[in-house]
Amino acid sequence: MKKTTSIILYMLIFNSIIACTSLTSEAYQNAPQWDFDHQVQFIQTELAVNRYQLEIIQNNKVKFQQLSALLLRKSYLICGRYDYTLTIIKGIESFDHKRASPNLIRSNLIATLECPLSTH
């Protein structure tokens, strides 16, 4: 009886280890990350070689200026240089946005980033 119990226990542990190690990098790639400087979450997705999508998750406590600064800083960190192309897809506010729609739930700031090809 003890032998059967220990075999079942070993099989459960073995299956747990296999399940944990079989997670792909794609599962980690699309997971939200935390930026401690700006106190926001963001998702970085690789669309193709040298092409990414950055989504900064809106929490209504952080101003747009900080969100856009994070977007520029992350773009530089990903590409490693300044001559990248950043296209804002969603999340831009107008100057009088809060006055015109005070109860509007703001959307996430989403942009595509294209890094230049290396010339080494």
Foldseek 3Di string as FASTA:
>chain_A
DVVVVVVVVVVVVVVVVVVVVPDDVQVVQQDWDADPVQGWIKHWAAPDVQKIKIWIFDDPPGDPVSVVVVVQVVLCVVQVDDPKDKAWDAFDADPCRCVVPVPDDTGITMIMIGHDDDPD
